[in-house]
Amino acid sequence: FYRMDYDEALQKAREASRQLPWYAEAKKLEGDIFLAKGFQ
């Protein structure tokens, strides 16, 4: 995400959410990625 490689970041965030459904930070990262892509 910080490298602005949003596709890879989204894939990692979604996989982290699947493996750890209680881990809210992964869902927040997914939202942040969509915000950044939307702003572009």
PDB file of all heavy atoms in Angstrom:
ATOM      1  N   PHE A   1       0.833  -1.200   0.000  1.00  0.00           N
ATOM      2  CA  PHE A   1       0.000   0.000   0.000  1.00  0.00           C
ATOM      3  C   PHE A   1       0.869   1.252   0.000  1.00  0.00           C
ATOM      4  O   PHE A   1       0.634   2.183  -0.780  1.00  0.00           O
ATOM      5  CB  PHE A   1      -0.931  -0.018   1.213  1.00  0.00           C
ATOM      6  CG  PHE A   1      -1.760   1.220   1.373  1.00  0.00           C
ATOM      7  CD1 PHE A   1      -2.820   1.472   0.522  1.00  0.00           C
ATOM      8  CD2 PHE A   1      -1.494   2.114   2.384  1.00  0.00           C
ATOM      9  CE1 PHE A   1      -3.601   2.616   0.675  1.00  0.00           C
ATOM     10  CE2 PHE A   1      -2.255   3.247   2.550  1.00  0.00           C
ATOM     11  CZ  PHE A   1      -3.312   3.508   1.690  1.00  0.00           C
ATOM     12  N   TYR A   2       1.880   1.282   0.840  1.00  0.00           N
ATOM     13  CA  TYR A   2       2.759   2.455   0.901  1.00  0.00           C
ATOM     14  C   TYR A   2       3.609   2.602  -0.356  1.00  0.00           C
ATOM     15  O   TYR A   2       4.023   3.709  -0.699  1.00  0.00           O
ATOM     16  CB  TYR A   2       3.633   2.420   2.150  1.00  0.00           C
ATOM     17  CG  TYR A   2       2.839   2.699   3.403  1.00  0.00           C
ATOM     18  CD1 TYR A   2       2.890   1.843   4.488  1.00  0.00           C
ATOM     19  CD2 TYR A   2       2.017   3.815   3.508  1.00  0.00           C
ATOM     20  CE1 TYR A   2       2.145   2.081   5.636  1.00  0.00           C
ATOM     21  CE2 TYR A   2       1.273   4.069   4.642  1.00  0.00           C
ATOM     22  CZ  TYR A   2       1.349   3.204   5.702  1.00  0.00           C
ATOM     23  OH  TYR A   2       0.609   3.456   6.836  1.00  0.00           O
ATOM     24  N   ARG A   3       3.837   1.500  -1.067  1.00  0.00           N
ATOM     25  CA  ARG A   3       4.535   1.561  -2.359  1.00  0.00           C
ATOM     26  C   ARG A   3       3.574   1.967  -3.476  1.00  0.00           C
ATOM     27  O   ARG A   3       3.986   2.117  -4.620  1.00  0.00           O
ATOM     28  CB  ARG A   3       5.133   0.199  -2.722  1.00  0.00           C
ATOM     29  CG  ARG A   3       6.374  -0.184  -1.988  1.00  0.00           C
ATOM     30  CD  ARG A   3       7.069  -1.391  -2.628  1.00  0.00           C
ATOM     31  NE  ARG A   3       6.165  -2.314  -3.284  1.00  0.00           N
ATOM     32  CZ  ARG A   3       5.864  -3.537  -2.855  1.00  0.00           C
ATOM     33  NH1 ARG A   3       6.418  -4.004  -1.749  1.00  0.00           N
ATOM     34  NH2 ARG A   3       5.027  -4.309  -3.517  1.00  0.00           N
ATOM     35  N   MET A   4       2.284   2.092  -3.127  1.00  0.00           N
ATOM     36  CA  MET A   4       1.210   2.423  -4.055  1.00  0.00           C
ATOM     37  C   MET A   4       0.975   1.301  -5.067  1.00  0.00           C
ATOM     38  O   MET A   4       0.507   1.530  -6.170  1.00  0.00           O
ATOM     39  CB  MET A   4       1.459   3.768  -4.748  1.00  0.00           C
ATOM     40  CG  MET A   4       1.486   4.927  -3.771  1.00  0.00           C
ATOM     41  SD  MET A   4       1.913   6.512  -4.504  1.00  0.00           S
ATOM     42  CE  MET A   4       0.493   6.783  -5.543  1.00  0.00           C
ATOM     43  N   ASP A   5       1.287   0.080  -4.663  1.00  0.00           N
ATOM     44  CA  ASP A   5       0.973  -1.107  -5.457  1.00  0.00           C
ATOM     45  C   ASP A   5      -0.350  -1.642  -4.920  1.00  0.00           C
ATOM     46  O   ASP A   5      -0.401  -2.601  -4.153  1.00  0.00           O
ATOM     47  CB  ASP A   5       2.092  -2.139  -5.333  1.00  0.00           C
ATOM     48  CG  ASP A   5       1.872  -3.357  -6.211  1.00  0.00           C
ATOM     49  OD1 ASP A   5       0.778  -3.481  -6.805  1.00  0.00           O
ATOM     50  OD2 ASP A   5       2.792  -4.186  -6.291  1.00  0.00           O
ATOM     51  N   TYR A   6      -1.433  -0.978  -5.314  1.00  0.00           N
ATOM     52  CA  TYR A   6      -2.733  -1.224  -4.712  1.00  0.00           C
ATOM     53  C   TYR A   6      -3.294  -2.603  -5.028  1.00  0.00           C
ATOM     54  O   TYR A   6      -3.992  -3.177  -4.201  1.00  0.00           O
ATOM     55  CB  TYR A   6      -3.717  -0.129  -5.111  1.00  0.00           C
ATOM     56  CG  TYR A   6      -3.285   1.240  -4.640  1.00  0.00           C
ATOM     57  CD1 TYR A   6      -3.264   2.321  -5.507  1.00  0.00           C
ATOM     58  CD2 TYR A   6      -2.880   1.449  -3.323  1.00  0.00           C
ATOM     59  CE1 TYR A   6      -2.869   3.577  -5.073  1.00  0.00           C
ATOM     60  CE2 TYR A   6      -2.481   2.700  -2.882  1.00  0.00           C
ATOM     61  CZ  TYR A   6      -2.477   3.758  -3.760  1.00  0.00           C
ATOM     62  OH  TYR A   6      -2.084   4.991  -3.328  1.00  0.00           O
ATOM     63  N   ASP A   7      -2.992  -3.133  -6.198  1.00  0.00           N
ATOM     64  CA  ASP A   7      -3.496  -4.462  -6.532  1.00  0.00           C
ATOM     65  C   ASP A   7      -2.900  -5.528  -5.618  1.00  0.00           C
ATOM     66  O   ASP A   7      -3.618  -6.381  -5.089  1.00  0.00           O
ATOM     67  CB  ASP A   7      -3.215  -4.799  -7.995  1.00  0.00           C
ATOM     68  CG  ASP A   7      -4.003  -3.918  -8.952  1.00  0.00           C
ATOM     69  OD1 ASP A   7      -5.100  -3.458  -8.569  1.00  0.00           O
ATOM     70  OD2 ASP A   7      -3.531  -3.693 -10.076  1.00  0.00           O
ATOM     71  N   GLU A   8      -1.591  -5.469  -5.407  1.00  0.00           N
ATOM     72  CA  GLU A   8      -0.954  -6.430  -4.497  1.00  0.00           C
ATOM     73  C   GLU A   8      -1.431  -6.208  -3.071  1.00  0.00           C
ATOM     74  O   GLU A   8      -1.710  -7.159  -2.338  1.00  0.00           O
ATOM     75  CB  GLU A   8       0.568  -6.322  -4.555  1.00  0.00           C
ATOM     76  CG  GLU A   8       1.251  -7.292  -3.620  1.00  0.00           C
ATOM     77  CD  GLU A   8       2.768  -7.188  -3.614  1.00  0.00           C
ATOM     78  OE1 GLU A   8       3.339  -6.582  -4.525  1.00  0.00           O
ATOM     79  OE2 GLU A   8       3.371  -7.723  -2.670  1.00  0.00           O
ATOM     80  N   ALA A   9      -1.536  -4.956  -2.677  1.00  0.00           N
ATOM     81  CA  ALA A   9      -1.986  -4.638  -1.322  1.00  0.00           C
ATOM     82  C   ALA A   9      -3.384  -5.189  -1.069  1.00  0.00           C
ATOM     83  O   ALA A   9      -3.654  -5.767  -0.005  1.00  0.00           O
ATOM     84  CB  ALA A   9      -1.961  -3.128  -1.105  1.00  0.00           C
ATOM     85  N   LEU A  10      -4.262  -5.040  -2.049  1.00  0.00           N
ATOM     86  CA  LEU A  10      -5.628  -5.529  -1.892  1.00  0.00           C
ATOM     87  C   LEU A  10      -5.661  -7.047  -1.791  1.00  0.00           C
ATOM     88  O   LEU A  10      -6.377  -7.610  -0.955  1.00  0.00           O
ATOM     89  CB  LEU A  10      -6.488  -5.049  -3.056  1.00  0.00           C
ATOM     90  CG  LEU A  10      -7.972  -5.345  -2.983  1.00  0.00           C
ATOM     91  CD1 LEU A  10      -8.591  -4.750  -1.724  1.00  0.00           C
ATOM     92  CD2 LEU A  10      -8.658  -4.809  -4.223  1.00  0.00           C
ATOM     93  N   GLN A  11      -4.869  -7.703  -2.599  1.00  0.00           N
ATOM     94  CA  GLN A  11      -4.814  -9.166  -2.554  1.00  0.00           C
ATOM     95  C   GLN A  11      -4.335  -9.638  -1.180  1.00  0.00           C
ATOM     96  O   GLN A  11      -4.913 -10.552  -0.582  1.00  0.00           O
ATOM     97  CB  GLN A  11      -3.897  -9.683  -3.675  1.00  0.00           C
ATOM     98  CG  GLN A  11      -3.812 -11.186  -3.784  1.00  0.00           C
ATOM     99  CD  GLN A  11      -2.635 -11.767  -3.016  1.00  0.00           C
ATOM    100  OE1 GLN A  11      -1.604 -11.125  -2.843  1.00  0.00           O
ATOM    101  NE2 GLN A  11      -2.788 -12.975  -2.561  1.00  0.00           N
ATOM    102  N   LYS A  12      -3.303  -8.995  -0.645  1.00  0.00           N
ATOM    103  CA  LYS A  12      -2.769  -9.388   0.670  1.00  0.00           C
ATOM    104  C   LYS A  12      -3.774  -9.085   1.781  1.00  0.00           C
ATOM    105  O   LYS A  12      -3.958  -9.886   2.695  1.00  0.00           O
ATOM    106  CB  LYS A  12      -1.456  -8.663   0.956  1.00  0.00           C
ATOM    107  CG  LYS A  12      -0.367  -8.873  -0.056  1.00  0.00           C
ATOM    108  CD  LYS A  12       0.312 -10.181   0.115  1.00  0.00           C
ATOM    109  CE  LYS A  12       1.496 -10.245  -0.841  1.00  0.00           C
ATOM    110  NZ  LYS A  12       1.958 -11.567  -1.078  1.00  0.00           N
ATOM    111  N   ALA A  13      -4.417  -7.929   1.707  1.00  0.00           N
ATOM    112  CA  ALA A  13      -5.391  -7.559   2.740  1.00  0.00           C
ATOM    113  C   ALA A  13      -6.568  -8.535   2.750  1.00  0.00           C
ATOM    114  O   ALA A  13      -7.019  -8.965   3.819  1.00  0.00           O
ATOM    115  CB  ALA A  13      -5.886  -6.133   2.508  1.00  0.00           C
ATOM    116  N   ARG A  14      -7.042  -8.895   1.574  1.00  0.00           N
ATOM    117  CA  ARG A  14      -8.172  -9.837   1.503  1.00  0.00           C
ATOM    118  C   ARG A  14      -7.786 -11.214   2.009  1.00  0.00           C
ATOM    119  O   ARG A  14      -8.572 -11.869   2.700  1.00  0.00           O
ATOM    120  CB  ARG A  14      -8.701  -9.911   0.074  1.00  0.00           C
ATOM    121  CG  ARG A  14      -9.492  -8.683  -0.293  1.00  0.00           C
ATOM    122  CD  ARG A  14     -10.034  -8.765  -1.678  1.00  0.00           C
ATOM    123  NE  ARG A  14     -10.999  -7.705  -1.907  1.00  0.00           N
ATOM    124  CZ  ARG A  14     -11.443  -7.378  -3.096  1.00  0.00           C
ATOM    125  NH1 ARG A  14     -11.024  -8.026  -4.173  1.00  0.00           N
ATOM    126  NH2 ARG A  14     -12.320  -6.405  -3.226  1.00  0.00           N
ATOM    127  N   GLU A  15      -6.606 -11.661   1.666  1.00  0.00           N
ATOM    128  CA  GLU A  15      -6.148 -12.971   2.149  1.00  0.00           C
ATOM    129  C   GLU A  15      -5.981 -12.946   3.668  1.00  0.00           C
ATOM    130  O   GLU A  15      -6.347 -13.899   4.353  1.00  0.00           O
ATOM    131  CB  GLU A  15      -4.852 -13.382   1.454  1.00  0.00           C
ATOM    132  CG  GLU A  15      -4.356 -14.754   1.833  1.00  0.00           C
ATOM    133  CD  GLU A  15      -5.324 -15.887   1.485  1.00  0.00           C
ATOM    134  OE1 GLU A  15      -6.094 -15.755   0.516  1.00  0.00           O
ATOM    135  OE2 GLU A  15      -5.313 -16.906   2.195  1.00  0.00           O
ATOM    136  N   ALA A  16      -5.431 -11.852   4.191  1.00  0.00           N
ATOM    137  CA  ALA A  16      -5.293 -11.722   5.647  1.00  0.00           C
ATOM    138  C   ALA A  16      -6.671 -11.752   6.310  1.00  0.00           C
ATOM    139  O   ALA A  16      -6.845 -12.392   7.352  1.00  0.00           O
ATOM    140  CB  ALA A  16      -4.550 -10.436   5.997  1.00  0.00           C
ATOM    141  N   SER A  17      -7.657 -11.094   5.711  1.00  0.00           N
ATOM    142  CA  SER A  17      -9.024 -11.100   6.260  1.00  0.00           C
ATOM    143  C   SER A  17      -9.629 -12.490   6.233  1.00  0.00           C
ATOM    144  O   SER A  17     -10.358 -12.866   7.149  1.00  0.00           O
ATOM    145  CB  SER A  17      -9.923 -10.149   5.466  1.00  0.00           C
ATOM    146  OG  SER A  17      -9.592  -8.827   5.736  1.00  0.00           O
ATOM    147  N   ARG A  18      -9.344 -13.251   5.186  1.00  0.00           N
ATOM    148  CA  ARG A  18      -9.874 -14.618   5.113  1.00  0.00           C
ATOM    149  C   ARG A  18      -9.244 -15.503   6.187  1.00  0.00           C
ATOM    150  O   ARG A  18      -9.917 -16.325   6.790  1.00  0.00           O
ATOM    151  CB  ARG A  18      -9.613 -15.221   3.725  1.00  0.00           C
ATOM    152  CG  ARG A  18     -10.626 -14.816   2.695  1.00  0.00           C
ATOM    153  CD  ARG A  18     -10.529 -15.651   1.434  1.00  0.00           C
ATOM    154  NE  ARG A  18      -9.364 -15.331   0.620  1.00  0.00           N
ATOM    155  CZ  ARG A  18      -9.285 -14.315  -0.233  1.00  0.00           C
ATOM    156  NH1 ARG A  18     -10.310 -13.517  -0.380  1.00  0.00           N
ATOM    157  NH2 ARG A  18      -8.204 -14.105  -0.942  1.00  0.00           N
ATOM    158  N   GLN A  19      -7.953 -15.329   6.408  1.00  0.00           N
ATOM    159  CA  GLN A  19      -7.281 -16.173   7.388  1.00  0.00           C
ATOM    160  C   GLN A  19      -7.577 -15.749   8.824  1.00  0.00           C
ATOM    161  O   GLN A  19      -7.595 -16.585   9.723  1.00  0.00           O
ATOM    162  CB  GLN A  19      -5.771 -16.151   7.146  1.00  0.00           C
ATOM    163  CG  GLN A  19      -5.381 -16.887   5.886  1.00  0.00           C
ATOM    164  CD  GLN A  19      -3.880 -17.029   5.749  1.00  0.00           C
ATOM    165  OE1 GLN A  19      -3.136 -16.858   6.716  1.00  0.00           O
ATOM    166  NE2 GLN A  19      -3.441 -17.352   4.557  1.00  0.00           N
ATOM    167  N   LEU A  20      -7.766 -14.449   9.017  1.00  0.00           N
ATOM    168  CA  LEU A  20      -8.023 -13.906  10.358  1.00  0.00           C
ATOM    169  C   LEU A  20      -9.253 -13.007  10.311  1.00  0.00           C
ATOM    170  O   LEU A  20      -9.141 -11.787  10.305  1.00  0.00           O
ATOM    171  CB  LEU A  20      -6.811 -13.090  10.835  1.00  0.00           C
ATOM    172  CG  LEU A  20      -5.451 -13.792  10.853  1.00  0.00           C
ATOM    173  CD1 LEU A  20      -4.349 -12.799  11.109  1.00  0.00           C
ATOM    174  CD2 LEU A  20      -5.440 -14.877  11.897  1.00  0.00           C
ATOM    175  N   PRO A  21     -10.452 -13.576  10.282  1.00  0.00           N
ATOM    176  CA  PRO A  21     -11.656 -12.758  10.127  1.00  0.00           C
ATOM    177  C   PRO A  21     -11.878 -11.759  11.259  1.00  0.00           C
ATOM    178  O   PRO A  21     -12.568 -10.757  11.061  1.00  0.00           O
ATOM    179  CB  PRO A  21     -12.791 -13.785  10.069  1.00  0.00           C
ATOM    180  CG  PRO A  21     -12.210 -15.101  10.374  1.00  0.00           C
ATOM    181  CD  PRO A  21     -10.725 -14.990  10.347  1.00  0.00           C
ATOM    182  N   TRP A  22     -11.286 -11.971  12.396  1.00  0.00           N
ATOM    183  CA  TRP A  22     -11.440 -11.072  13.531  1.00  0.00           C
ATOM    184  C   TRP A  22     -10.439  -9.914  13.489  1.00  0.00           C
ATOM    185  O   TRP A  22     -10.521  -8.990  14.281  1.00  0.00           O
ATOM    186  CB  TRP A  22     -11.242 -11.853  14.837  1.00  0.00           C
ATOM    187  CG  TRP A  22      -9.992 -12.679  14.820  1.00  0.00           C
ATOM    188  CD1 TRP A  22      -9.893 -13.995  14.473  1.00  0.00           C
ATOM    189  CD2 TRP A  22      -8.659 -12.258  15.123  1.00  0.00           C
ATOM    190  NE1 TRP A  22      -8.586 -14.418  14.541  1.00  0.00           N
ATOM    191  CE2 TRP A  22      -7.804 -13.359  14.937  1.00  0.00           C
ATOM    192  CE3 TRP A  22      -8.101 -11.064  15.532  1.00  0.00           C
ATOM    193  CZ2 TRP A  22      -6.431 -13.295  15.146  1.00  0.00           C
ATOM    194  CZ3 TRP A  22      -6.733 -11.000  15.741  1.00  0.00           C
ATOM    195  CH2 TRP A  22      -5.919 -12.111  15.550  1.00  0.00           C
ATOM    196  N   TYR A  23      -9.495  -9.944  12.545  1.00  0.00           N
ATOM    197  CA  TYR A  23      -8.405  -8.965  12.489  1.00  0.00           C
ATOM    198  C   TYR A  23      -8.877  -7.725  11.718  1.00  0.00           C
ATOM    199  O   TYR A  23      -8.774  -7.637  10.500  1.00  0.00           O
ATOM    200  CB  TYR A  23      -7.183  -9.617  11.824  1.00  0.00           C
ATOM    201  CG  TYR A  23      -5.877  -8.894  12.031  1.00  0.00           C
ATOM    202  CD1 TYR A  23      -5.351  -8.748  13.301  1.00  0.00           C
ATOM    203  CD2 TYR A  23      -5.172  -8.386  10.963  1.00  0.00           C
ATOM    204  CE1 TYR A  23      -4.147  -8.104  13.501  1.00  0.00           C
ATOM    205  CE2 TYR A  23      -3.968  -7.739  11.148  1.00  0.00           C
ATOM    206  CZ  TYR A  23      -3.461  -7.600  12.421  1.00  0.00           C
ATOM    207  OH  TYR A  23      -2.266  -6.961  12.617  1.00  0.00           O
ATOM    208  N   ALA A  24      -9.406  -6.756  12.446  1.00  0.00           N
ATOM    209  CA  ALA A  24     -10.032  -5.577  11.841  1.00  0.00           C
ATOM    210  C   ALA A  24      -9.065  -4.740  11.011  1.00  0.00           C
ATOM    211  O   ALA A  24      -9.476  -4.071  10.060  1.00  0.00           O
ATOM    212  CB  ALA A  24     -10.657  -4.717  12.934  1.00  0.00           C
ATOM    213  N   GLU A  25      -7.794  -4.765  11.337  1.00  0.00           N
ATOM    214  CA  GLU A  25      -6.814  -3.954  10.609  1.00  0.00           C
ATOM    215  C   GLU A  25      -6.760  -4.334   9.131  1.00  0.00           C
ATOM    216  O   GLU A  25      -6.546  -3.477   8.274  1.00  0.00           O
ATOM    217  CB  GLU A  25      -5.419  -4.077  11.231  1.00  0.00           C
ATOM    218  CG  GLU A  25      -5.277  -3.380  12.568  1.00  0.00           C
ATOM    219  CD  GLU A  25      -5.750  -4.221  13.737  1.00  0.00           C
ATOM    220  OE1 GLU A  25      -6.316  -5.318  13.513  1.00  0.00           O
ATOM    221  OE2 GLU A  25      -5.573  -3.773  14.878  1.00  0.00           O
ATOM    222  N   ALA A  26      -6.953  -5.607   8.818  1.00  0.00           N
ATOM    223  CA  ALA A  26      -6.922  -6.049   7.419  1.00  0.00           C
ATOM    224  C   ALA A  26      -8.099  -5.454   6.647  1.00  0.00           C
ATOM    225  O   ALA A  26      -7.943  -5.024   5.503  1.00  0.00           O
ATOM    226  CB  ALA A  26      -6.923  -7.570   7.339  1.00  0.00           C
ATOM    227  N   LYS A  27      -9.282  -5.406   7.263  1.00  0.00           N
ATOM    228  CA  LYS A  27     -10.438  -4.800   6.598  1.00  0.00           C
ATOM    229  C   LYS A  27     -10.248  -3.287   6.466  1.00  0.00           C
ATOM    230  O   LYS A  27     -10.650  -2.686   5.473  1.00  0.00           O
ATOM    231  CB  LYS A  27     -11.729  -5.097   7.356  1.00  0.00           C
ATOM    232  CG  LYS A  27     -12.188  -6.529   7.257  1.00  0.00           C
ATOM    233  CD  LYS A  27     -12.346  -6.988   5.828  1.00  0.00           C
ATOM    234  CE  LYS A  27     -13.699  -6.638   5.258  1.00  0.00           C
ATOM    235  NZ  LYS A  27     -13.881  -7.173   3.890  1.00  0.00           N
ATOM    236  N   LYS A  28      -9.628  -2.670   7.463  1.00  0.00           N
ATOM    237  CA  LYS A  28      -9.346  -1.235   7.375  1.00  0.00           C
ATOM    238  C   LYS A  28      -8.390  -0.962   6.228  1.00  0.00           C
ATOM    239  O   LYS A  28      -8.568  -0.006   5.472  1.00  0.00           O
ATOM    240  CB  LYS A  28      -8.777  -0.693   8.671  1.00  0.00           C
ATOM    241  CG  LYS A  28      -8.524   0.808   8.577  1.00  0.00           C
ATOM    242  CD  LYS A  28      -7.761   1.330   9.764  1.00  0.00           C
ATOM    243  CE  LYS A  28      -7.472   2.805   9.647  1.00  0.00           C
ATOM    244  NZ  LYS A  28      -6.765   3.216   8.451  1.00  0.00           N
ATOM    245  N   LEU A  29      -7.373  -1.798   6.076  1.00  0.00           N
ATOM    246  CA  LEU A  29      -6.439  -1.636   4.971  1.00  0.00           C
ATOM    247  C   LEU A  29      -7.171  -1.760   3.641  1.00  0.00           C
ATOM    248  O   LEU A  29      -6.927  -0.974   2.718  1.00  0.00           O
ATOM    249  CB  LEU A  29      -5.304  -2.666   5.066  1.00  0.00           C
ATOM    250  CG  LEU A  29      -4.294  -2.661   3.917  1.00  0.00           C
ATOM    251  CD1 LEU A  29      -3.636  -1.301   3.757  1.00  0.00           C
ATOM    252  CD2 LEU A  29      -3.250  -3.752   4.144  1.00  0.00           C
ATOM    253  N   GLU A  30      -8.062  -2.714   3.538  1.00  0.00           N
ATOM    254  CA  GLU A  30      -8.846  -2.862   2.309  1.00  0.00           C
ATOM    255  C   GLU A  30      -9.614  -1.575   2.013  1.00  0.00           C
ATOM    256  O   GLU A  30      -9.621  -1.082   0.875  1.00  0.00           O
ATOM    257  CB  GLU A  30      -9.809  -4.040   2.452  1.00  0.00           C
ATOM    258  CG  GLU A  30     -10.548  -4.381   1.199  1.00  0.00           C
ATOM    259  CD  GLU A  30     -11.416  -5.616   1.351  1.00  0.00           C
ATOM    260  OE1 GLU A  30     -11.127  -6.482   2.190  1.00  0.00           O
ATOM    261  OE2 GLU A  30     -12.401  -5.695   0.599  1.00  0.00           O
ATOM    262  N   GLY A  31     -10.238  -1.004   3.015  1.00  0.00           N
ATOM    263  CA  GLY A  31     -10.951   0.262   2.831  1.00  0.00           C
ATOM    264  C   GLY A  31     -10.025   1.392   2.425  1.00  0.00           C
ATOM    265  O   GLY A  31     -10.351   2.197   1.550  1.00  0.00           O
ATOM    266  N   ASP A  32      -8.860   1.458   3.056  1.00  0.00           N
ATOM    267  CA  ASP A  32      -7.887   2.502   2.712  1.00  0.00           C
ATOM    268  C   ASP A  32      -7.425   2.380   1.261  1.00  0.00           C
ATOM    269  O   ASP A  32      -7.214   3.385   0.576  1.00  0.00           O
ATOM    270  CB  ASP A  32      -6.676   2.436   3.650  1.00  0.00           C
ATOM    271  CG  ASP A  32      -6.987   2.891   5.061  1.00  0.00           C
ATOM    272  OD1 ASP A  32      -7.991   3.602   5.264  1.00  0.00           O
ATOM    273  OD2 ASP A  32      -6.226   2.522   5.968  1.00  0.00           O
ATOM    274  N   ILE A  33      -7.280   1.151   0.801  1.00  0.00           N
ATOM    275  CA  ILE A  33      -6.870   0.921  -0.591  1.00  0.00           C
ATOM    276  C   ILE A  33      -7.945   1.440  -1.536  1.00  0.00           C
ATOM    277  O   ILE A  33      -7.649   2.144  -2.511  1.00  0.00           O
ATOM    278  CB  ILE A  33      -6.592  -0.577  -0.830  1.00  0.00           C
ATOM    279  CG1 ILE A  33      -5.371  -1.027  -0.026  1.00  0.00           C
ATOM    280  CG2 ILE A  33      -6.404  -0.864  -2.319  1.00  0.00           C
ATOM    281  CD1 ILE A  33      -5.261  -2.532   0.139  1.00  0.00           C
ATOM    282  N   PHE A  34      -9.215   1.116  -1.253  1.00  0.00           N
ATOM    283  CA  PHE A  34     -10.297   1.599  -2.104  1.00  0.00           C
ATOM    284  C   PHE A  34     -10.374   3.126  -2.083  1.00  0.00           C
ATOM    285  O   PHE A  34     -10.644   3.743  -3.118  1.00  0.00           O
ATOM    286  CB  PHE A  34     -11.630   0.992  -1.689  1.00  0.00           C
ATOM    287  CG  PHE A  34     -11.778  -0.456  -2.061  1.00  0.00           C
ATOM    288  CD1 PHE A  34     -12.216  -1.384  -1.138  1.00  0.00           C
ATOM    289  CD2 PHE A  34     -11.495  -0.899  -3.344  1.00  0.00           C
ATOM    290  CE1 PHE A  34     -12.361  -2.723  -1.478  1.00  0.00           C
ATOM    291  CE2 PHE A  34     -11.640  -2.231  -3.697  1.00  0.00           C
ATOM    292  CZ  PHE A  34     -12.071  -3.144  -2.762  1.00  0.00           C
ATOM    293  N   LEU A  35     -10.136   3.736  -0.929  1.00  0.00           N
ATOM    294  CA  LEU A  35     -10.116   5.200  -0.864  1.00  0.00           C
ATOM    295  C   LEU A  35      -9.015   5.773  -1.741  1.00  0.00           C
ATOM    296  O   LEU A  35      -9.236   6.741  -2.482  1.00  0.00           O
ATOM    297  CB  LEU A  35      -9.924   5.675   0.578  1.00  0.00           C
ATOM    298  CG  LEU A  35     -11.124   5.616   1.500  1.00  0.00           C
ATOM    299  CD1 LEU A  35     -10.724   6.081   2.897  1.00  0.00           C
ATOM    300  CD2 LEU A  35     -12.250   6.466   0.968  1.00  0.00           C
ATOM    301  N   ALA A  36      -7.831   5.207  -1.655  1.00  0.00           N
ATOM    302  CA  ALA A  36      -6.697   5.704  -2.436  1.00  0.00           C
ATOM    303  C   ALA A  36      -6.943   5.540  -3.931  1.00  0.00           C
ATOM    304  O   ALA A  36      -6.683   6.461  -4.722  1.00  0.00           O
ATOM    305  CB  ALA A  36      -5.416   4.987  -2.018  1.00  0.00           C
ATOM    306  N   LYS A  37      -7.450   4.370  -4.314  1.00  0.00           N
ATOM    307  CA  LYS A  37      -7.745   4.137  -5.729  1.00  0.00           C
ATOM    308  C   LYS A  37      -8.869   5.065  -6.202  1.00  0.00           C
ATOM    309  O   LYS A  37      -8.824   5.585  -7.321  1.00  0.00           O
ATOM    310  CB  LYS A  37      -8.123   2.678  -5.955  1.00  0.00           C
ATOM    311  CG  LYS A  37      -6.956   1.725  -5.803  1.00  0.00           C
ATOM    312  CD  LYS A  37      -7.374   0.278  -5.980  1.00  0.00           C
ATOM    313  CE  LYS A  37      -7.567  -0.014  -7.449  1.00  0.00           C
ATOM    314  NZ  LYS A  37      -7.651  -1.457  -7.737  1.00  0.00           N
ATOM    315  N   GLY A  38      -9.850   5.275  -5.359  1.00  0.00           N
ATOM    316  CA  GLY A  38     -10.942   6.188  -5.694  1.00  0.00           C
ATOM    317  C   GLY A  38     -10.453   7.614  -5.877  1.00  0.00           C
ATOM    318  O   GLY A  38     -10.886   8.320  -6.791  1.00  0.00           O
ATOM    319  N   PHE A  39      -9.532   8.034  -5.036  1.00  0.00           N
ATOM    320  CA  PHE A  39      -8.989   9.383  -5.152  1.00  0.00           C
ATOM    321  C   PHE A  39      -8.215   9.546  -6.457  1.00  0.00           C
ATOM    322  O   PHE A  39      -8.285  10.598  -7.095  1.00  0.00           O
ATOM    323  CB  PHE A  39      -8.114   9.716  -3.946  1.00  0.00           C
ATOM    324  CG  PHE A  39      -7.665  11.150  -3.934  1.00  0.00           C
ATOM    325  CD1 PHE A  39      -8.593  12.168  -3.787  1.00  0.00           C
ATOM    326  CD2 PHE A  39      -6.327  11.475  -4.067  1.00  0.00           C
ATOM    327  CE1 PHE A  39      -8.182  13.500  -3.782  1.00  0.00           C
ATOM    328  CE2 PHE A  39      -5.911  12.796  -4.066  1.00  0.00           C
ATOM    329  CZ  PHE A  39      -6.841  13.813  -3.923  1.00  0.00           C
ATOM    330  N   GLN A  40      -7.502   8.500  -6.865  1.00  0.00           N
ATOM    331  CA  GLN A  40      -6.809   8.554  -8.158  1.00  0.00           C
ATOM    332  C   GLN A  40      -7.810   8.762  -9.292  1.00  0.00           C
ATOM    333  O   GLN A  40      -7.574   9.570 -10.197  1.00  0.00           O
ATOM    334  CB  GLN A  40      -6.016   7.268  -8.405  1.00  0.00           C
ATOM    335  CG  GLN A  40      -4.750   7.165  -7.602  1.00  0.00           C
ATOM    336  CD  GLN A  40      -4.000   5.867  -7.895  1.00  0.00           C
ATOM    337  OE1 GLN A  40      -4.585   4.858  -8.269  1.00  0.00           O
ATOM    338  NE2 GLN A  40      -2.692   5.912  -7.703  1.00  0.00           N
TER     339      GLN A  40
END
